[in-house]
């Protein structure tokens, strides 16, 4: 009986890491999904930011904002 108890204890000791396999697998899958989602959202946000910047910069250029601002820098101050 003592030999059987030793084998049972040894079998439990060897099988114990296997019971954590589903937990480790779920953790790895969760981390991978999080990384993929992060990369997708980051790309989407970057596209939105770039489009908004180009839209605003284009509007500013069309209105003559750049030319007016640069000309104002080089025009003498009329009050002086």
N, C-alpha and C. Protein backbone atom coordinates (compact mmCIF):
# COMPACT_ATOMS: atom_id res chain seq x y z
N UNK A 1 0.81 -1.19 0.00
CA UNK A 1 0.00 0.00 0.00
C UNK A 1 0.86 1.26 0.00
N UNK A 2 1.98 1.19 0.69
CA UNK A 2 2.89 2.32 0.76
C UNK A 2 3.44 2.65 -0.61
N UNK A 3 3.71 1.61 -1.42
CA UNK A 3 4.20 1.80 -2.79
C UNK A 3 3.14 2.48 -3.65
N UNK A 4 1.88 2.12 -3.46
CA UNK A 4 0.77 2.71 -4.20
C UNK A 4 0.62 4.20 -3.84
N UNK A 5 0.78 4.53 -2.59
CA UNK A 5 0.68 5.93 -2.14
C UNK A 5 1.80 6.75 -2.74
N UNK A 6 2.98 6.18 -2.85
CA UNK A 6 4.10 6.89 -3.47
C UNK A 6 3.82 7.18 -4.94
N UNK A 7 3.30 6.17 -5.64
CA UNK A 7 2.98 6.37 -7.06
C UNK A 7 1.88 7.40 -7.25
N UNK A 8 0.89 7.37 -6.37
CA UNK A 8 -0.21 8.32 -6.47
C UNK A 8 0.30 9.75 -6.24
N UNK A 9 1.16 9.92 -5.25
CA UNK A 9 1.74 11.23 -4.98
C UNK A 9 2.62 11.71 -6.12
N UNK A 10 3.36 10.78 -6.69
CA UNK A 10 4.23 11.12 -7.81
C UNK A 10 3.41 11.48 -9.04
N UNK A 11 2.33 10.75 -9.28
CA UNK A 11 1.47 11.04 -10.42
C UNK A 11 0.82 12.42 -10.26
N UNK A 12 0.39 12.75 -9.07
CA UNK A 12 -0.20 14.07 -8.84
C UNK A 12 0.83 15.18 -9.06
N UNK A 13 2.03 14.93 -8.59
CA UNK A 13 3.09 15.93 -8.75
C UNK A 13 3.41 16.16 -10.22
N UNK A 14 3.45 15.09 -11.02
CA UNK A 14 3.74 15.21 -12.44
C UNK A 14 2.56 15.82 -13.21
N UNK A 15 1.34 15.57 -12.79
CA UNK A 15 0.15 16.05 -13.50
C UNK A 15 -0.19 17.49 -13.12
N UNK A 16 0.33 18.00 -12.05
CA UNK A 16 -0.07 19.32 -11.57
C UNK A 16 0.23 20.45 -12.56
N UNK A 17 1.35 20.48 -13.27
CA UNK A 17 1.54 21.57 -14.24
C UNK A 17 0.52 21.55 -15.38
N UNK A 18 0.01 20.38 -15.72
CA UNK A 18 -0.97 20.28 -16.80
C UNK A 18 -2.28 20.98 -16.47
N UNK A 19 -2.61 21.05 -15.22
CA UNK A 19 -3.89 21.69 -14.88
C UNK A 19 -3.84 23.19 -15.10
N UNK A 20 -2.66 23.75 -15.20
CA UNK A 20 -2.52 25.19 -15.47
C UNK A 20 -2.45 25.52 -16.95
N UNK A 21 -2.44 24.51 -17.79
CA UNK A 21 -2.35 24.71 -19.23
C UNK A 21 -3.52 25.53 -19.80
N UNK A 22 -4.77 25.25 -19.44
CA UNK A 22 -5.86 26.09 -19.95
C UNK A 22 -5.73 27.56 -19.52
N UNK A 23 -5.30 27.77 -18.30
CA UNK A 23 -5.10 29.14 -17.81
C UNK A 23 -4.00 29.85 -18.60
N UNK A 24 -2.89 29.17 -18.82
CA UNK A 24 -1.78 29.76 -19.58
C UNK A 24 -2.19 30.02 -21.02
N UNK A 25 -2.95 29.10 -21.60
CA UNK A 25 -3.41 29.26 -22.97
C UNK A 25 -4.36 30.44 -23.09
N UNK A 26 -5.31 30.56 -22.15
CA UNK A 26 -6.24 31.69 -22.16
C UNK A 26 -5.50 33.01 -21.98
N UNK A 27 -4.50 33.02 -21.13
CA UNK A 27 -3.71 34.23 -20.90
C UNK A 27 -2.95 34.63 -22.17
N UNK A 28 -2.33 33.67 -22.83
CA UNK A 28 -1.59 33.96 -24.06
C UNK A 28 -2.51 34.45 -25.18
N UNK A 29 -3.65 33.80 -25.33
CA UNK A 29 -4.60 34.21 -26.37
C UNK A 29 -5.11 35.61 -26.07
N UNK A 30 -5.41 35.90 -24.81
CA UNK A 30 -5.88 37.23 -24.43
C UNK A 30 -4.86 38.31 -24.72
N UNK A 31 -3.61 38.04 -24.40
CA UNK A 31 -2.55 39.02 -24.66
C UNK A 31 -2.38 39.23 -26.16
N UNK A 32 -2.43 38.15 -26.92
CA UNK A 32 -2.27 38.28 -28.38
C UNK A 32 -3.43 39.08 -28.99
N UNK A 33 -4.65 38.81 -28.54
CA UNK A 33 -5.79 39.56 -29.05
C UNK A 33 -5.69 41.04 -28.68
N UNK A 34 -5.21 41.31 -27.48
CA UNK A 34 -5.05 42.70 -27.05
C UNK A 34 -4.01 43.43 -27.91
N UNK A 35 -2.92 42.78 -28.22
CA UNK A 35 -1.88 43.39 -29.04
C UNK A 35 -2.40 43.64 -30.45
N UNK A 36 -3.11 42.68 -31.02
CA UNK A 36 -3.67 42.85 -32.37
C UNK A 36 -4.68 43.99 -32.38
N UNK A 37 -5.56 44.04 -31.38
CA UNK A 37 -6.55 45.12 -31.31
C UNK A 37 -5.87 46.47 -31.15
N UNK A 38 -4.81 46.54 -30.33
CA UNK A 38 -4.07 47.78 -30.15
C UNK A 38 -3.48 48.26 -31.47
N UNK A 39 -2.88 47.36 -32.21
CA UNK A 39 -2.25 47.74 -33.47
C UNK A 39 -3.28 48.21 -34.49
N UNK A 40 -4.44 47.56 -34.52
CA UNK A 40 -5.48 47.97 -35.47
C UNK A 40 -6.03 49.34 -35.11
N UNK A 41 -6.31 49.57 -33.85
CA UNK A 41 -6.86 50.85 -33.42
C UNK A 41 -5.83 51.97 -33.59
N UNK A 42 -4.57 51.67 -33.32
CA UNK A 42 -3.52 52.68 -33.50
C UNK A 42 -3.44 53.12 -34.95
N UNK A 43 -3.47 52.17 -35.89
CA UNK A 43 -3.43 52.51 -37.31
C UNK A 43 -4.64 53.32 -37.72
N UNK A 44 -5.80 52.95 -37.23
CA UNK A 44 -7.03 53.66 -37.54
C UNK A 44 -6.98 55.10 -37.02
N UNK A 45 -6.52 55.26 -35.78
CA UNK A 45 -6.40 56.60 -35.19
C UNK A 45 -5.38 57.45 -35.95
N UNK A 46 -4.27 56.85 -36.35
CA UNK A 46 -3.24 57.60 -37.08
C UNK A 46 -3.80 58.10 -38.41
N UNK A 47 -4.59 57.27 -39.09
CA UNK A 47 -5.20 57.70 -40.35
C UNK A 47 -6.17 58.86 -40.12
N UNK A 48 -6.96 58.78 -39.06
CA UNK A 48 -7.90 59.86 -38.76
C UNK A 48 -7.18 61.16 -38.42
N UNK A 49 -6.12 61.07 -37.64
CA UNK A 49 -5.36 62.27 -37.26
C UNK A 49 -4.72 62.90 -38.50
N UNK A 50 -4.15 62.07 -39.36
CA UNK A 50 -3.51 62.58 -40.57
C UNK A 50 -4.53 63.24 -41.49
N UNK A 51 -5.70 62.61 -41.66
CA UNK A 51 -6.74 63.18 -42.51
C UNK A 51 -7.24 64.52 -41.95
N UNK A 52 -7.42 64.58 -40.64
CA UNK A 52 -7.87 65.84 -40.03
C UNK A 52 -6.82 66.93 -40.18
N UNK A 53 -5.56 66.59 -39.99
CA UNK A 53 -4.50 67.57 -40.16
C UNK A 53 -4.45 68.10 -41.58
N UNK A 54 -4.50 67.18 -42.56
CA UNK A 54 -4.45 67.60 -43.95
C UNK A 54 -5.65 68.45 -44.33
N UNK A 55 -6.81 68.12 -43.77
CA UNK A 55 -8.01 68.91 -44.03
C UNK A 55 -7.86 70.32 -43.47
N UNK A 56 -7.40 70.43 -42.25
CA UNK A 56 -7.23 71.76 -41.64
C UNK A 56 -6.12 72.55 -42.32
N UNK A 57 -5.03 71.88 -42.64
CA UNK A 57 -3.92 72.58 -43.31
C UNK A 57 -4.34 73.04 -44.69
N UNK A 58 -5.11 72.22 -45.39
CA UNK A 58 -5.59 72.61 -46.71
C UNK A 58 -6.52 73.80 -46.64
N UNK A 59 -7.42 73.81 -45.66
CA UNK A 59 -8.32 74.95 -45.49
C UNK A 59 -7.54 76.22 -45.18
N UNK A 60 -6.54 76.12 -44.34
CA UNK A 60 -5.74 77.28 -43.96
C UNK A 60 -4.99 77.82 -45.18
N UNK A 61 -4.45 76.93 -45.99
CA UNK A 61 -3.69 77.34 -47.17
C UNK A 61 -4.62 77.99 -48.21
N UNK A 62 -5.80 77.42 -48.40
CA UNK A 62 -6.74 77.94 -49.39
C UNK A 62 -7.19 79.35 -49.01
N UNK A 63 -7.39 79.60 -47.75
CA UNK A 63 -7.84 80.91 -47.30
C UNK A 63 -6.73 81.96 -47.37
N UNK A 64 -5.56 81.56 -47.72
CA UNK A 64 -4.46 82.51 -47.81
C UNK A 64 -3.80 82.77 -46.47
N UNK A 65 -4.06 81.90 -45.54
CA UNK A 65 -3.52 82.07 -44.19
C UNK A 65 -2.01 82.08 -44.15
N UNK A 66 -1.41 81.21 -44.90
CA UNK A 66 0.05 81.13 -44.88
C UNK A 66 0.65 82.39 -45.51
N UNK A 67 0.12 82.78 -46.66
CA UNK A 67 0.66 83.97 -47.34
C UNK A 67 0.43 85.22 -46.50
N UNK A 68 -0.74 85.34 -45.92
CA UNK A 68 -1.04 86.50 -45.09
C UNK A 68 -0.12 86.54 -43.87
N UNK A 69 0.08 85.40 -43.25
CA UNK A 69 0.93 85.36 -42.05
C UNK A 69 2.38 85.69 -42.40
N UNK A 70 2.88 85.15 -43.49
CA UNK A 70 4.27 85.43 -43.88
C UNK A 70 4.43 86.88 -44.29
N UNK A 71 3.49 87.41 -45.07
CA UNK A 71 3.57 88.81 -45.47
C UNK A 71 3.50 89.75 -44.27
N UNK A 72 2.71 89.39 -43.29
CA UNK A 72 2.61 90.22 -42.09
C UNK A 72 3.92 90.27 -41.33
N UNK A 73 4.70 89.24 -41.42
CA UNK A 73 5.99 89.23 -40.73
C UNK A 73 6.98 90.23 -41.37
N UNK A 74 6.87 90.39 -42.68
CA UNK A 74 7.84 91.23 -43.39
C UNK A 74 7.34 92.65 -43.67
N UNK A 75 6.09 92.93 -43.39
CA UNK A 75 5.57 94.28 -43.60
C UNK A 75 6.00 95.17 -42.44
N UNK A 76 6.37 96.39 -42.74
CA UNK A 76 6.73 97.29 -41.64
C UNK A 76 5.48 97.65 -40.84
N UNK A 77 5.69 97.87 -39.57
CA UNK A 77 4.59 98.23 -38.68
C UNK A 77 4.15 99.65 -39.00
N UNK A 78 2.89 99.84 -39.31
CA UNK A 78 2.38 101.17 -39.72
C UNK A 78 2.27 102.12 -38.54
N UNK A 79 2.22 101.63 -37.34
CA UNK A 79 2.08 102.49 -36.18
C UNK A 79 3.41 103.07 -35.76
N UNK A 80 4.49 102.52 -36.18
CA UNK A 80 5.79 102.99 -35.73
C UNK A 80 6.23 104.25 -36.39
